[in-house]
Amino acid sequence: MNDRQRRPVYLIGMGGSAYALWYFYSVGATLAAAAFALLTVFCVVRLRKLSSDT
């Protein structure tokens, strides 16, 4: 998988995990929300790394 193919995957991952973060935080499941917050941060960092390499 090349860099052009990975970019949409990270964007979809960021969107999905940000939505899950909002959902779990709104229902009071803070442990699950924290896990999705870490996943969101991971996707953002990887996307920034990918964008800076090109």
PDB file of N, CA and C in Angstrom:
ATOM      1  N   MET A   1       0.851  -1.172   0.000  1.00  0.00           N
ATOM      2  CA  MET A   1       0.000   0.000   0.000  1.00  0.00           C
ATOM      3  C   MET A   1       0.899   1.239   0.000  1.00  0.00           C
ATOM      4  N   ASN A   2       0.703   2.113  -0.976  1.00  0.00           N
ATOM      5  CA  ASN A   2       1.552   3.297  -1.062  1.00  0.00           C
ATOM      6  C   ASN A   2       0.941   4.461  -0.274  1.00  0.00           C
ATOM      7  N   ASP A   3       1.634   5.600  -0.279  1.00  0.00           N
ATOM      8  CA  ASP A   3       1.214   6.742   0.525  1.00  0.00           C
ATOM      9  C   ASP A   3      -0.117   7.328   0.065  1.00  0.00           C
ATOM     10  N   ARG A   4      -0.370   7.331  -1.238  1.00  0.00           N
ATOM     11  CA  ARG A   4      -1.645   7.858  -1.737  1.00  0.00           C
ATOM     12  C   ARG A   4      -2.819   7.005  -1.284  1.00  0.00           C
ATOM     13  N   GLN A   5      -2.597   5.720  -1.116  1.00  0.00           N
ATOM     14  CA  GLN A   5      -3.662   4.838  -0.677  1.00  0.00           C
ATOM     15  C   GLN A   5      -3.860   4.895   0.832  1.00  0.00           C
ATOM     16  N   ARG A   6      -2.813   5.208   1.569  1.00  0.00           N
ATOM     17  CA  ARG A   6      -2.918   5.254   3.027  1.00  0.00           C
ATOM     18  C   ARG A   6      -3.613   6.498   3.544  1.00  0.00           C
ATOM     19  N   ARG A   7      -3.493   7.597   2.839  1.00  0.00           N
ATOM     20  CA  ARG A   7      -4.075   8.866   3.302  1.00  0.00           C
ATOM     21  C   ARG A   7      -5.583   8.761   3.571  1.00  0.00           C
ATOM     22  N   PRO A   8      -6.404   8.220   2.641  1.00  0.00           N
ATOM     23  CA  PRO A   8      -7.836   8.090   2.945  1.00  0.00           C
ATOM     24  C   PRO A   8      -8.117   7.151   4.119  1.00  0.00           C
ATOM     25  N   VAL A   9      -7.284   6.141   4.289  1.00  0.00           N
ATOM     26  CA  VAL A   9      -7.473   5.215   5.404  1.00  0.00           C
ATOM     27  C   VAL A   9      -7.299   5.946   6.732  1.00  0.00           C
ATOM     28  N   TYR A  10      -6.272   6.784   6.832  1.00  0.00           N
ATOM     29  CA  TYR A  10      -6.069   7.548   8.061  1.00  0.00           C
ATOM     30  C   TYR A  10      -7.177   8.575   8.269  1.00  0.00           C
ATOM     31  N   LEU A  11      -7.663   9.194   7.201  1.00  0.00           N
ATOM     32  CA  LEU A  11      -8.755  10.159   7.331  1.00  0.00           C
ATOM     33  C   LEU A  11     -10.040   9.483   7.805  1.00  0.00           C
ATOM     34  N   ILE A  12     -10.346   8.326   7.247  1.00  0.00           N
ATOM     35  CA  ILE A  12     -11.527   7.586   7.684  1.00  0.00           C
ATOM     36  C   ILE A  12     -11.352   7.110   9.127  1.00  0.00           C
ATOM     37  N   GLY A  13     -10.157   6.674   9.466  1.00  0.00           N
ATOM     38  CA  GLY A  13      -9.883   6.257  10.842  1.00  0.00           C
ATOM     39  C   GLY A  13     -10.041   7.397  11.832  1.00  0.00           C
ATOM     40  N   MET A  14      -9.557   8.587  11.444  1.00  0.00           N
ATOM     41  CA  MET A  14      -9.709   9.752  12.319  1.00  0.00           C
ATOM     42  C   MET A  14     -11.181  10.102  12.504  1.00  0.00           C
ATOM     43  N   GLY A  15     -11.933  10.109  11.419  1.00  0.00           N
ATOM     44  CA  GLY A  15     -13.352  10.443  11.509  1.00  0.00           C
ATOM     45  C   GLY A  15     -14.137   9.440  12.334  1.00  0.00           C
ATOM     46  N   GLY A  16     -13.894   8.180  12.079  1.00  0.00           N
ATOM     47  CA  GLY A  16     -14.608   7.131  12.820  1.00  0.00           C
ATOM     48  C   GLY A  16     -14.271   7.111  14.294  1.00  0.00           C
ATOM     49  N   SER A  17     -12.999   7.255  14.605  1.00  0.00           N
ATOM     50  CA  SER A  17     -12.623   7.227  16.015  1.00  0.00           C
ATOM     51  C   SER A  17     -13.031   8.514  16.735  1.00  0.00           C
ATOM     52  N   ALA A  18     -13.052   9.639  16.036  1.00  0.00           N
ATOM     53  CA  ALA A  18     -13.536  10.877  16.655  1.00  0.00           C
ATOM     54  C   ALA A  18     -15.031  10.775  16.950  1.00  0.00           C
ATOM     55  N   TYR A  19     -15.790  10.176  16.037  1.00  0.00           N
ATOM     56  CA  TYR A  19     -17.215   9.968  16.288  1.00  0.00           C
ATOM     57  C   TYR A  19     -17.422   9.031  17.473  1.00  0.00           C
ATOM     58  N   ALA A  20     -16.679   7.930  17.513  1.00  0.00           N
ATOM     59  CA  ALA A  20     -16.800   6.985  18.623  1.00  0.00           C
ATOM     60  C   ALA A  20     -16.385   7.641  19.939  1.00  0.00           C
ATOM     61  N   LEU A  21     -15.354   8.474  19.885  1.00  0.00           N
ATOM     62  CA  LEU A  21     -14.933   9.218  21.077  1.00  0.00           C
ATOM     63  C   LEU A  21     -16.084  10.071  21.582  1.00  0.00           C
ATOM     64  N   TRP A  22     -16.712  10.843  20.696  1.00  0.00           N
ATOM     65  CA  TRP A  22     -17.842  11.692  21.089  1.00  0.00           C
ATOM     66  C   TRP A  22     -18.984  10.857  21.668  1.00  0.00           C
ATOM     67  N   TYR A  23     -19.311   9.752  21.001  1.00  0.00           N
ATOM     68  CA  TYR A  23     -20.420   8.912  21.444  1.00  0.00           C
ATOM     69  C   TYR A  23     -20.160   8.333  22.831  1.00  0.00           C
ATOM     70  N   PHE A  24     -19.018   7.704  23.022  1.00  0.00           N
ATOM     71  CA  PHE A  24     -18.740   7.071  24.310  1.00  0.00           C
ATOM     72  C   PHE A  24     -18.594   8.092  25.430  1.00  0.00           C
ATOM     73  N   TYR A  25     -18.064   9.253  25.118  1.00  0.00           N
ATOM     74  CA  TYR A  25     -17.956  10.298  26.131  1.00  0.00           C
ATOM     75  C   TYR A  25     -19.339  10.820  26.517  1.00  0.00           C
ATOM     76  N   SER A  26     -20.244  10.921  25.546  1.00  0.00           N
ATOM     77  CA  SER A  26     -21.576  11.442  25.833  1.00  0.00           C
ATOM     78  C   SER A  26     -22.426  10.477  26.652  1.00  0.00           C
ATOM     79  N   VAL A  27     -22.170   9.179  26.536  1.00  0.00           N
ATOM     80  CA  VAL A  27     -22.932   8.214  27.336  1.00  0.00           C
ATOM     81  C   VAL A  27     -22.240   7.886  28.656  1.00  0.00           C
ATOM     82  N   GLY A  28     -21.083   8.466  28.894  1.00  0.00           N
ATOM     83  CA  GLY A  28     -20.417   8.298  30.178  1.00  0.00           C
ATOM     84  C   GLY A  28     -19.421   7.154  30.248  1.00  0.00           C
ATOM     85  N   ALA A  29     -19.086   6.546  29.151  1.00  0.00           N
ATOM     86  CA  ALA A  29     -18.113   5.451  29.139  1.00  0.00           C
ATOM     87  C   ALA A  29     -16.723   6.047  28.897  1.00  0.00           C
ATOM     88  N   THR A  30     -16.124   6.563  29.952  1.00  0.00           N
ATOM     89  CA  THR A  30     -14.876   7.308  29.793  1.00  0.00           C
ATOM     90  C   THR A  30     -13.694   6.414  29.406  1.00  0.00           C
ATOM     91  N   LEU A  31     -13.706   5.172  29.836  1.00  0.00           N
ATOM     92  CA  LEU A  31     -12.591   4.283  29.473  1.00  0.00           C
ATOM     93  C   LEU A  31     -12.580   4.008  27.972  1.00  0.00           C
ATOM     94  N   ALA A  32     -13.733   3.739  27.404  1.00  0.00           N
ATOM     95  CA  ALA A  32     -13.811   3.521  25.961  1.00  0.00           C
ATOM     96  C   ALA A  32     -13.502   4.817  25.218  1.00  0.00           C
ATOM     97  N   ALA A  33     -13.963   5.945  25.739  1.00  0.00           N
ATOM     98  CA  ALA A  33     -13.674   7.242  25.112  1.00  0.00           C
ATOM     99  C   ALA A  33     -12.181   7.518  25.112  1.00  0.00           C
ATOM    100  N   ALA A  34     -11.501   7.168  26.179  1.00  0.00           N
ATOM    101  CA  ALA A  34     -10.052   7.374  26.255  1.00  0.00           C
ATOM    102  C   ALA A  34      -9.325   6.519  25.220  1.00  0.00           C
ATOM    103  N   ALA A  35      -9.799   5.311  25.007  1.00  0.00           N
ATOM    104  CA  ALA A  35      -9.184   4.441  24.000  1.00  0.00           C
ATOM    105  C   ALA A  35      -9.350   5.039  22.605  1.00  0.00           C
ATOM    106  N   PHE A  36     -10.524   5.570  22.312  1.00  0.00           N
ATOM    107  CA  PHE A  36     -10.735   6.174  21.001  1.00  0.00           C
ATOM    108  C   PHE A  36     -10.010   7.510  20.875  1.00  0.00           C
ATOM    109  N   ALA A  37      -9.793   8.197  21.984  1.00  0.00           N
ATOM    110  CA  ALA A  37      -8.984   9.419  21.942  1.00  0.00           C
ATOM    111  C   ALA A  37      -7.551   9.080  21.556  1.00  0.00           C
ATOM    112  N   LEU A  38      -7.012   8.011  22.111  1.00  0.00           N
ATOM    113  CA  LEU A  38      -5.656   7.578  21.745  1.00  0.00           C
ATOM    114  C   LEU A  38      -5.584   7.159  20.282  1.00  0.00           C
ATOM    115  N   LEU A  39      -6.603   6.481  19.819  1.00  0.00           N
ATOM    116  CA  LEU A  39      -6.636   6.072  18.412  1.00  0.00           C
ATOM    117  C   LEU A  39      -6.711   7.282  17.485  1.00  0.00           C
ATOM    118  N   THR A  40      -7.485   8.283  17.870  1.00  0.00           N
ATOM    119  CA  THR A  40      -7.586   9.505  17.077  1.00  0.00           C
ATOM    120  C   THR A  40      -6.243  10.209  17.018  1.00  0.00           C
ATOM    121  N   VAL A  41      -5.580  10.327  18.158  1.00  0.00           N
ATOM    122  CA  VAL A  41      -4.262  10.971  18.200  1.00  0.00           C
ATOM    123  C   VAL A  41      -3.270  10.190  17.345  1.00  0.00           C
ATOM    124  N   PHE A  42      -3.298   8.877  17.408  1.00  0.00           N
ATOM    125  CA  PHE A  42      -2.407   8.051  16.602  1.00  0.00           C
ATOM    126  C   PHE A  42      -2.627   8.314  15.109  1.00  0.00           C
ATOM    127  N   CYS A  43      -3.882   8.366  14.691  1.00  0.00           N
ATOM    128  CA  CYS A  43      -4.183   8.611  13.273  1.00  0.00           C
ATOM    129  C   CYS A  43      -3.723  10.000  12.842  1.00  0.00           C
ATOM    130  N   VAL A  44      -3.905  10.990  13.702  1.00  0.00           N
ATOM    131  CA  VAL A  44      -3.464  12.348  13.377  1.00  0.00           C
ATOM    132  C   VAL A  44      -1.948  12.392  13.228  1.00  0.00           C
ATOM    133  N   VAL A  45      -1.235  11.773  14.146  1.00  0.00           N
ATOM    134  CA  VAL A  45       0.232  11.769  14.091  1.00  0.00           C
ATOM    135  C   VAL A  45       0.720  11.054  12.845  1.00  0.00           C
ATOM    136  N   ARG A  46       0.133   9.905  12.537  1.00  0.00           N
ATOM    137  CA  ARG A  46       0.554   9.159  11.343  1.00  0.00           C
ATOM    138  C   ARG A  46       0.252   9.938  10.060  1.00  0.00           C
ATOM    139  N   LEU A  47      -0.896  10.617  10.021  1.00  0.00           N
ATOM    140  CA  LEU A  47      -1.234  11.405   8.843  1.00  0.00           C
ATOM    141  C   LEU A  47      -0.290  12.584   8.688  1.00  0.00           C
ATOM    142  N   ARG A  48       0.048  13.222   9.781  1.00  0.00           N
ATOM    143  CA  ARG A  48       1.005  14.351   9.704  1.00  0.00           C
ATOM    144  C   ARG A  48       2.379  13.873   9.248  1.00  0.00           C
ATOM    145  N   LYS A  49       2.793  12.718   9.751  1.00  0.00           N
ATOM    146  CA  LYS A  49       4.068  12.133   9.329  1.00  0.00           C
ATOM    147  C   LYS A  49       4.050  11.808   7.835  1.00  0.00           C
ATOM    148  N   LEU A  50       2.936  11.244   7.398  1.00  0.00           N
ATOM    149  CA  LEU A  50       2.774  10.892   5.992  1.00  0.00           C
ATOM    150  C   LEU A  50       2.780  12.144   5.124  1.00  0.00           C
ATOM    151  N   SER A  51       2.112  13.197   5.582  1.00  0.00           N
ATOM    152  CA  SER A  51       2.046  14.434   4.811  1.00  0.00           C
ATOM    153  C   SER A  51       3.389  15.165   4.763  1.00  0.00           C
ATOM    154  N   SER A  52       4.162  15.059   5.828  1.00  0.00           N
ATOM    155  CA  SER A  52       5.447  15.748   5.845  1.00  0.00           C
ATOM    156  C   SER A  52       6.497  15.044   4.984  1.00  0.00           C
ATOM    157  N   ASP A  53       6.315  13.741   4.740  1.00  0.00           N
ATOM    158  CA  ASP A  53       7.267  13.005   3.915  1.00  0.00           C
ATOM    159  C   ASP A  53       7.100  13.269   2.426  1.00  0.00           C
ATOM    160  N   THR A  54       5.916  13.734   2.023  1.00  0.00           N
ATOM    161  CA  THR A  54       5.669  13.932   0.597  1.00  0.00           C
ATOM    162  C   THR A  54       5.973  15.342   0.162  1.00  0.00           C
TER     163      THR A  54
END
